[in-house]
Each structure stands twice: as C-alpha cells, then as structure tokens.
C-alpha cells in the first residue's frame, strides 16, 4: 500500500505542475499573438488589381451631384 502512495503522489504533483506550466505558457503566447495580430471583423478586402464577378457592375456614386439632383 505504501508503494502506491509513494508512486502516485509524485505523479499527481508532476501532472499539476505540467498543467499549470501549459496554462501559463498558452496564456502568454495567446496574449502575445493578440497584440501582434489583431482580429479583424467583417468581409476581407478585395486584393488590388482583381476583377469582380461578371455581370455585377460596380456603381460609383458622386457625392457632389447627389444633392443638386433633388433641387
């Protein structure tokens, strides 16, 4: 019975230490990644020089003429 206690207590302690080490290491890496690569919400931007899908023309609105057409 004493052999079981002698072997299991160090195993439990080592497992707890490894668990805390992984937790703190992962938290450190996650915070560092969040600082260097901020999250961007929304649709990704279209790469420069790419062409949109066929059949969908791009509409450009001129804001200067927008008010004069109402008057």
PDB file of N, CA and C in Angstrom:
ATOM      1  N   UNK A   1       0.813  -1.188   0.000  1.00  0.00           N
ATOM      2  CA  UNK A   1       0.000   0.000   0.000  1.00  0.00           C
ATOM      3  C   UNK A   1       0.862   1.258   0.000  1.00  0.00           C
ATOM      4  N   UNK A   2       1.983   1.199   0.678  1.00  0.00           N
ATOM      5  CA  UNK A   2       2.893   2.345   0.735  1.00  0.00           C
ATOM      6  C   UNK A   2       3.527   2.634  -0.618  1.00  0.00           C
ATOM      7  N   UNK A   3       3.717   1.605  -1.438  1.00  0.00           N
ATOM      8  CA  UNK A   3       4.295   1.779  -2.764  1.00  0.00           C
ATOM      9  C   UNK A   3       3.351   2.576  -3.658  1.00  0.00           C
ATOM     10  N   UNK A   4       2.054   2.324  -3.528  1.00  0.00           N
ATOM     11  CA  UNK A   4       1.060   3.032  -4.333  1.00  0.00           C
ATOM     12  C   UNK A   4       1.067   4.516  -3.983  1.00  0.00           C
ATOM     13  N   UNK A   5       1.164   4.844  -2.702  1.00  0.00           N
ATOM     14  CA  UNK A   5       1.185   6.244  -2.256  1.00  0.00           C
ATOM     15  C   UNK A   5       2.471   6.919  -2.714  1.00  0.00           C
ATOM     16  N   UNK A   6       3.593   6.237  -2.603  1.00  0.00           N
ATOM     17  CA  UNK A   6       4.885   6.813  -2.976  1.00  0.00           C
ATOM     18  C   UNK A   6       4.940   7.090  -4.472  1.00  0.00           C
ATOM     19  N   UNK A   7       4.347   6.244  -5.296  1.00  0.00           N
ATOM     20  CA  UNK A   7       4.374   6.442  -6.734  1.00  0.00           C
ATOM     21  C   UNK A   7       3.288   7.410  -7.217  1.00  0.00           C
ATOM     22  N   UNK A   8       2.133   7.407  -6.581  1.00  0.00           N
ATOM     23  CA  UNK A   8       1.034   8.213  -7.094  1.00  0.00           C
ATOM     24  C   UNK A   8       1.143   9.684  -6.699  1.00  0.00           C
ATOM     25  N   UNK A   9       1.650   9.991  -5.520  1.00  0.00           N
ATOM     26  CA  UNK A   9       1.763  11.403  -5.100  1.00  0.00           C
ATOM     27  C   UNK A   9       2.709  12.188  -6.009  1.00  0.00           C
ATOM     28  N   UNK A  10       3.912  11.697  -6.308  1.00  0.00           N
ATOM     29  CA  UNK A  10       4.765  12.447  -7.242  1.00  0.00           C
ATOM     30  C   UNK A  10       4.149  12.564  -8.641  1.00  0.00           C
ATOM     31  N   UNK A  11       3.455  11.531  -9.077  1.00  0.00           N
ATOM     32  CA  UNK A  11       2.812  11.587 -10.394  1.00  0.00           C
ATOM     33  C   UNK A  11       1.720  12.654 -10.425  1.00  0.00           C
ATOM     34  N   UNK A  12       0.936  12.729  -9.362  1.00  0.00           N
ATOM     35  CA  UNK A  12      -0.108  13.752  -9.285  1.00  0.00           C
ATOM     36  C   UNK A  12       0.513  15.144  -9.237  1.00  0.00           C
ATOM     37  N   UNK A  13       1.554  15.327  -8.445  1.00  0.00           N
ATOM     38  CA  UNK A  13       2.204  16.641  -8.344  1.00  0.00           C
ATOM     39  C   UNK A  13       2.847  17.058  -9.665  1.00  0.00           C
ATOM     40  N   UNK A  14       3.507  16.124 -10.339  1.00  0.00           N
ATOM     41  CA  UNK A  14       4.119  16.446 -11.636  1.00  0.00           C
ATOM     42  C   UNK A  14       3.043  16.799 -12.653  1.00  0.00           C
ATOM     43  N   UNK A  15       1.924  16.097 -12.637  1.00  0.00           N
ATOM     44  CA  UNK A  15       0.825  16.398 -13.555  1.00  0.00           C
ATOM     45  C   UNK A  15       0.260  17.784 -13.295  1.00  0.00           C
ATOM     46  N   UNK A  16       0.117  18.162 -12.035  1.00  0.00           N
ATOM     47  CA  UNK A  16      -0.388  19.501 -11.695  1.00  0.00           C
ATOM     48  C   UNK A  16       0.601  20.574 -12.135  1.00  0.00           C
ATOM     49  N   UNK A  17       1.882  20.353 -11.916  1.00  0.00           N
ATOM     50  CA  UNK A  17       2.903  21.331 -12.322  1.00  0.00           C
ATOM     51  C   UNK A  17       2.921  21.480 -13.841  1.00  0.00           C
ATOM     52  N   UNK A  18       2.860  20.370 -14.568  1.00  0.00           N
ATOM     53  CA  UNK A  18       2.839  20.438 -16.039  1.00  0.00           C
ATOM     54  C   UNK A  18       1.566  21.141 -16.516  1.00  0.00           C
ATOM     55  N   UNK A  19       0.451  20.895 -15.859  1.00  0.00           N
ATOM     56  CA  UNK A  19      -0.796  21.563 -16.218  1.00  0.00           C
ATOM     57  C   UNK A  19      -0.710  23.071 -16.043  1.00  0.00           C
ATOM     58  N   UNK A  20      -0.174  23.520 -14.904  1.00  0.00           N
ATOM     59  CA  UNK A  20      -0.006  24.960 -14.694  1.00  0.00           C
ATOM     60  C   UNK A  20       0.980  25.556 -15.696  1.00  0.00           C
ATOM     61  N   UNK A  21       2.044  24.821 -15.991  1.00  0.00           N
ATOM     62  CA  UNK A  21       3.022  25.316 -16.964  1.00  0.00           C
ATOM     63  C   UNK A  21       2.405  25.494 -18.342  1.00  0.00           C
ATOM     64  N   UNK A  22       1.619  24.519 -18.782  1.00  0.00           N
ATOM     65  CA  UNK A  22       0.950  24.638 -20.088  1.00  0.00           C
ATOM     66  C   UNK A  22      -0.067  25.773 -20.091  1.00  0.00           C
ATOM     67  N   UNK A  23      -0.775  25.949 -18.984  1.00  0.00           N
ATOM     68  CA  UNK A  23      -1.766  27.021 -18.886  1.00  0.00           C
ATOM     69  C   UNK A  23      -1.100  28.386 -19.011  1.00  0.00           C
ATOM     70  N   UNK A  24      -0.052  28.632 -18.236  1.00  0.00           N
ATOM     71  CA  UNK A  24       0.598  29.939 -18.266  1.00  0.00           C
ATOM     72  C   UNK A  24       1.351  30.172 -19.572  1.00  0.00           C
ATOM     73  N   UNK A  25       1.962  29.135 -20.138  1.00  0.00           N
ATOM     74  CA  UNK A  25       2.646  29.283 -21.418  1.00  0.00           C
ATOM     75  C   UNK A  25       1.640  29.594 -22.531  1.00  0.00           C
ATOM     76  N   UNK A  26       0.502  28.917 -22.531  1.00  0.00           N
ATOM     77  CA  UNK A  26      -0.525  29.191 -23.534  1.00  0.00           C
ATOM     78  C   UNK A  26      -1.127  30.566 -23.377  1.00  0.00           C
ATOM     79  N   UNK A  27      -1.316  31.008 -22.149  1.00  0.00           N
ATOM     80  CA  UNK A  27      -1.848  32.351 -21.916  1.00  0.00           C
ATOM     81  C   UNK A  27      -0.859  33.413 -22.401  1.00  0.00           C
ATOM     82  N   UNK A  28       0.421  33.195 -22.160  1.00  0.00           N
ATOM     83  CA  UNK A  28       1.448  34.132 -22.618  1.00  0.00           C
ATOM     84  C   UNK A  28       1.489  34.196 -24.141  1.00  0.00           C
ATOM     85  N   UNK A  29       1.480  33.040 -24.792  1.00  0.00           N
ATOM     86  CA  UNK A  29       1.520  33.019 -26.257  1.00  0.00           C
ATOM     87  C   UNK A  29       0.257  33.626 -26.855  1.00  0.00           C
ATOM     88  N   UNK A  30      -0.896  33.369 -26.253  1.00  0.00           N
ATOM     89  CA  UNK A  30      -2.141  33.929 -26.749  1.00  0.00           C
ATOM     90  C   UNK A  30      -2.182  35.434 -26.634  1.00  0.00           C
ATOM     91  N   UNK A  31      -1.706  35.965 -25.539  1.00  0.00           N
ATOM     92  CA  UNK A  31      -1.673  37.425 -25.378  1.00  0.00           C
ATOM     93  C   UNK A  31      -0.684  38.064 -26.342  1.00  0.00           C
ATOM     94  N   UNK A  32       0.446  37.413 -26.551  1.00  0.00           N
ATOM     95  CA  UNK A  32       1.432  37.949 -27.495  1.00  0.00           C
ATOM     96  C   UNK A  32       0.877  37.929 -28.913  1.00  0.00           C
ATOM     97  N   UNK A  33       0.159  36.867 -29.274  1.00  0.00           N
ATOM     98  CA  UNK A  33      -0.432  36.768 -30.605  1.00  0.00           C
ATOM     99  C   UNK A  33      -1.545  37.801 -30.795  1.00  0.00           C
ATOM    100  N   UNK A  34      -2.302  38.068 -29.745  1.00  0.00           N
ATOM    101  CA  UNK A  34      -3.383  39.049 -29.834  1.00  0.00           C
ATOM    102  C   UNK A  34      -2.825  40.458 -30.044  1.00  0.00           C
ATOM    103  N   UNK A  35      -1.654  40.732 -29.511  1.00  0.00           N
ATOM    104  CA  UNK A  35      -1.045  42.055 -29.686  1.00  0.00           C
ATOM    105  C   UNK A  35      -0.483  42.194 -31.098  1.00  0.00           C
ATOM    106  N   UNK A  36       0.170  41.167 -31.596  1.00  0.00           N
ATOM    107  CA  UNK A  36       0.813  41.270 -32.911  1.00  0.00           C
ATOM    108  C   UNK A  36      -0.161  41.084 -34.064  1.00  0.00           C
ATOM    109  N   UNK A  37      -1.229  40.306 -33.892  1.00  0.00           N
ATOM    110  CA  UNK A  37      -2.198  40.039 -34.954  1.00  0.00           C
ATOM    111  C   UNK A  37      -3.604  40.351 -34.453  1.00  0.00           C
ATOM    112  N   UNK A  38      -4.017  41.619 -34.521  1.00  0.00           N
ATOM    113  CA  UNK A  38      -5.364  41.932 -34.030  1.00  0.00           C
ATOM    114  C   UNK A  38      -6.432  41.302 -34.907  1.00  0.00           C
ATOM    115  N   UNK A  39      -7.583  40.995 -34.317  1.00  0.00           N
ATOM    116  CA  UNK A  39      -8.680  40.396 -35.057  1.00  0.00           C
ATOM    117  C   UNK A  39      -9.366  41.469 -35.894  1.00  0.00           C
ATOM    118  N   UNK A  40      -9.731  41.097 -37.087  1.00  0.00           N
ATOM    119  CA  UNK A  40     -10.425  41.999 -37.989  1.00  0.00           C
ATOM    120  C   UNK A  40     -11.784  41.390 -38.278  1.00  0.00           C
ATOM    121  N   UNK A  41     -12.825  42.151 -37.998  1.00  0.00           N
ATOM    122  CA  UNK A  41     -14.174  41.648 -38.211  1.00  0.00           C
ATOM    123  C   UNK A  41     -14.710  42.177 -39.536  1.00  0.00           C
ATOM    124  N   UNK A  42     -15.511  41.401 -40.209  1.00  0.00           N
ATOM    125  CA  UNK A  42     -16.119  41.812 -41.468  1.00  0.00           C
ATOM    126  C   UNK A  42     -15.565  41.000 -42.620  1.00  0.00           C
ATOM    127  N   UNK A  43     -15.977  41.395 -43.816  1.00  0.00           N
ATOM    128  CA  UNK A  43     -15.537  40.691 -45.010  1.00  0.00           C
ATOM    129  C   UNK A  43     -14.114  41.102 -45.367  1.00  0.00           C
ATOM    130  N   UNK A  44     -13.328  40.189 -45.905  1.00  0.00           N
ATOM    131  CA  UNK A  44     -11.970  40.559 -46.302  1.00  0.00           C
ATOM    132  C   UNK A  44     -11.979  41.504 -47.496  1.00  0.00           C
ATOM    133  N   UNK A  45     -10.984  42.333 -47.566  1.00  0.00           N
ATOM    134  CA  UNK A  45     -10.874  43.292 -48.655  1.00  0.00           C
ATOM    135  C   UNK A  45     -10.489  42.581 -49.949  1.00  0.00           C
ATOM    136  N   UNK A  46     -10.942  43.126 -51.064  1.00  0.00           N
ATOM    137  CA  UNK A  46     -10.601  42.566 -52.375  1.00  0.00           C
ATOM    138  C   UNK A  46      -9.153  42.934 -52.684  1.00  0.00           C
ATOM    139  N   UNK A  47      -8.366  41.993 -53.149  1.00  0.00           N
ATOM    140  CA  UNK A  47      -6.972  42.297 -53.465  1.00  0.00           C
ATOM    141  C   UNK A  47      -6.883  43.327 -54.586  1.00  0.00           C
ATOM    142  N   UNK A  48      -5.871  44.194 -54.549  1.00  0.00           N
ATOM    143  CA  UNK A  48      -5.725  45.196 -55.603  1.00  0.00           C
ATOM    144  C   UNK A  48      -5.484  44.541 -56.961  1.00  0.00           C
ATOM    145  N   UNK A  49      -6.132  45.079 -57.978  1.00  0.00           N
ATOM    146  CA  UNK A  49      -5.953  44.567 -59.331  1.00  0.00           C
ATOM    147  C   UNK A  49      -6.869  43.422 -59.675  1.00  0.00           C
ATOM    148  N   UNK A  50      -7.691  42.974 -58.752  1.00  0.00           N
ATOM    149  CA  UNK A  50      -8.586  41.868 -59.064  1.00  0.00           C
ATOM    150  C   UNK A  50      -9.866  42.408 -59.690  1.00  0.00           C
ATOM    151  N   UNK A  51     -10.541  41.559 -60.419  1.00  0.00           N
ATOM    152  CA  UNK A  51     -11.763  41.935 -61.111  1.00  0.00           C
ATOM    153  C   UNK A  51     -12.923  41.268 -60.383  1.00  0.00           C
ATOM    154  N   UNK A  52     -14.027  42.012 -60.219  1.00  0.00           N
ATOM    155  CA  UNK A  52     -15.198  41.482 -59.546  1.00  0.00           C
ATOM    156  C   UNK A  52     -15.860  40.412 -60.395  1.00  0.00           C
ATOM    157  N   UNK A  53     -16.908  39.773 -59.881  1.00  0.00           N
ATOM    158  CA  UNK A  53     -17.602  38.737 -60.641  1.00  0.00           C
ATOM    159  C   UNK A  53     -18.303  39.321 -61.866  1.00  0.00           C
ATOM    160  N   UNK A  54     -18.401  38.532 -62.920  1.00  0.00           N
ATOM    161  CA  UNK A  54     -19.013  39.006 -64.156  1.00  0.00           C
ATOM    162  C   UNK A  54     -20.508  39.229 -63.940  1.00  0.00           C
ATOM    163  N   UNK A  55     -21.026  40.270 -64.597  1.00  0.00           N
ATOM    164  CA  UNK A  55     -22.446  40.549 -64.522  1.00  0.00           C
ATOM    165  C   UNK A  55     -22.828  41.451 -63.363  1.00  0.00           C
ATOM    166  N   UNK A  56     -21.898  41.844 -62.541  1.00  0.00           N
ATOM    167  CA  UNK A  56     -22.214  42.760 -61.448  1.00  0.00           C
ATOM    168  C   UNK A  56     -21.374  44.020 -61.609  1.00  0.00           C
ATOM    169  N   UNK A  57     -21.935  45.055 -62.274  1.00  0.00           N
ATOM    170  CA  UNK A  57     -21.168  46.278 -62.476  1.00  0.00           C
ATOM    171  C   UNK A  57     -20.943  47.018 -61.157  1.00  0.00           C
ATOM    172  N   UNK A  58     -19.849  47.728 -61.113  1.00  0.00           N
ATOM    173  CA  UNK A  58     -19.507  48.495 -59.923  1.00  0.00           C
ATOM    174  C   UNK A  58     -20.137  49.879 -60.067  1.00  0.00           C
ATOM    175  N   UNK A  59     -20.928  50.288 -59.094  1.00  0.00           N
ATOM    176  CA  UNK A  59     -21.598  51.577 -59.113  1.00  0.00           C
ATOM    177  C   UNK A  59     -20.782  52.583 -58.318  1.00  0.00           C
ATOM    178  N   UNK A  60     -20.442  53.697 -58.953  1.00  0.00           N
ATOM    179  CA  UNK A  60     -19.710  54.761 -58.291  1.00  0.00           C
ATOM    180  C   UNK A  60     -20.679  55.910 -58.079  1.00  0.00           C
ATOM    181  N   UNK A  61     -20.825  56.362 -56.847  1.00  0.00           N
ATOM    182  CA  UNK A  61     -21.735  57.454 -56.528  1.00  0.00           C
ATOM    183  C   UNK A  61     -20.921  58.716 -56.339  1.00  0.00           C
ATOM    184  N   UNK A  62     -21.297  59.770 -57.068  1.00  0.00           N
ATOM    185  CA  UNK A  62     -20.632  61.055 -56.942  1.00  0.00           C
ATOM    186  C   UNK A  62     -21.408  61.876 -55.922  1.00  0.00           C
ATOM    187  N   UNK A  63     -20.790  62.188 -54.800  1.00  0.00           N
ATOM    188  CA  UNK A  63     -21.499  62.863 -53.724  1.00  0.00           C
ATOM    189  C   UNK A  63     -21.786  64.325 -54.054  1.00  0.00           C
ATOM    190  N   UNK A  64     -21.047  64.959 -54.967  1.00  0.00           N
ATOM    191  CA  UNK A  64     -21.301  66.360 -55.314  1.00  0.00           C
ATOM    192  C   UNK A  64     -22.623  66.492 -56.065  1.00  0.00           C
ATOM    193  N   UNK A  65     -22.941  65.580 -56.936  1.00  0.00           N
ATOM    194  CA  UNK A  65     -24.164  65.653 -57.749  1.00  0.00           C
ATOM    195  C   UNK A  65     -25.370  65.095 -56.996  1.00  0.00           C
ATOM    196  N   UNK A  66     -25.160  64.487 -55.890  1.00  0.00           N
ATOM    197  CA  UNK A  66     -26.258  63.842 -55.197  1.00  0.00           C
ATOM    198  C   UNK A  66     -27.272  64.860 -54.679  1.00  0.00           C
ATOM    199  N   UNK A  67     -26.851  65.985 -54.123  1.00  0.00           N
ATOM    200  CA  UNK A  67     -27.754  66.980 -53.585  1.00  0.00           C
ATOM    201  C   UNK A  67     -28.390  67.864 -54.649  1.00  0.00           C
ATOM    202  N   UNK A  68     -27.674  68.113 -55.764  1.00  0.00           N
ATOM    203  CA  UNK A  68     -28.185  69.018 -56.781  1.00  0.00           C
ATOM    204  C   UNK A  68     -29.305  68.368 -57.593  1.00  0.00           C
ATOM    205  N   UNK A  69     -29.372  67.061 -57.652  1.00  0.00           N
ATOM    206  CA  UNK A  69     -30.427  66.413 -58.431  1.00  0.00           C
ATOM    207  C   UNK A  69     -31.773  66.481 -57.707  1.00  0.00           C
ATOM    208  N   UNK A  70     -31.755  66.672 -56.400  1.00  0.00           N
ATOM    209  CA  UNK A  70     -33.003  66.749 -55.631  1.00  0.00           C
ATOM    210  C   UNK A  70     -33.661  68.126 -55.818  1.00  0.00           C
ATOM    211  N   UNK A  71     -32.864  69.180 -55.927  1.00  0.00           N
ATOM    212  CA  UNK A  71     -33.393  70.546 -56.010  1.00  0.00           C
ATOM    213  C   UNK A  71     -34.019  70.837 -57.331  1.00  0.00           C
TER     214      UNK A  71
END
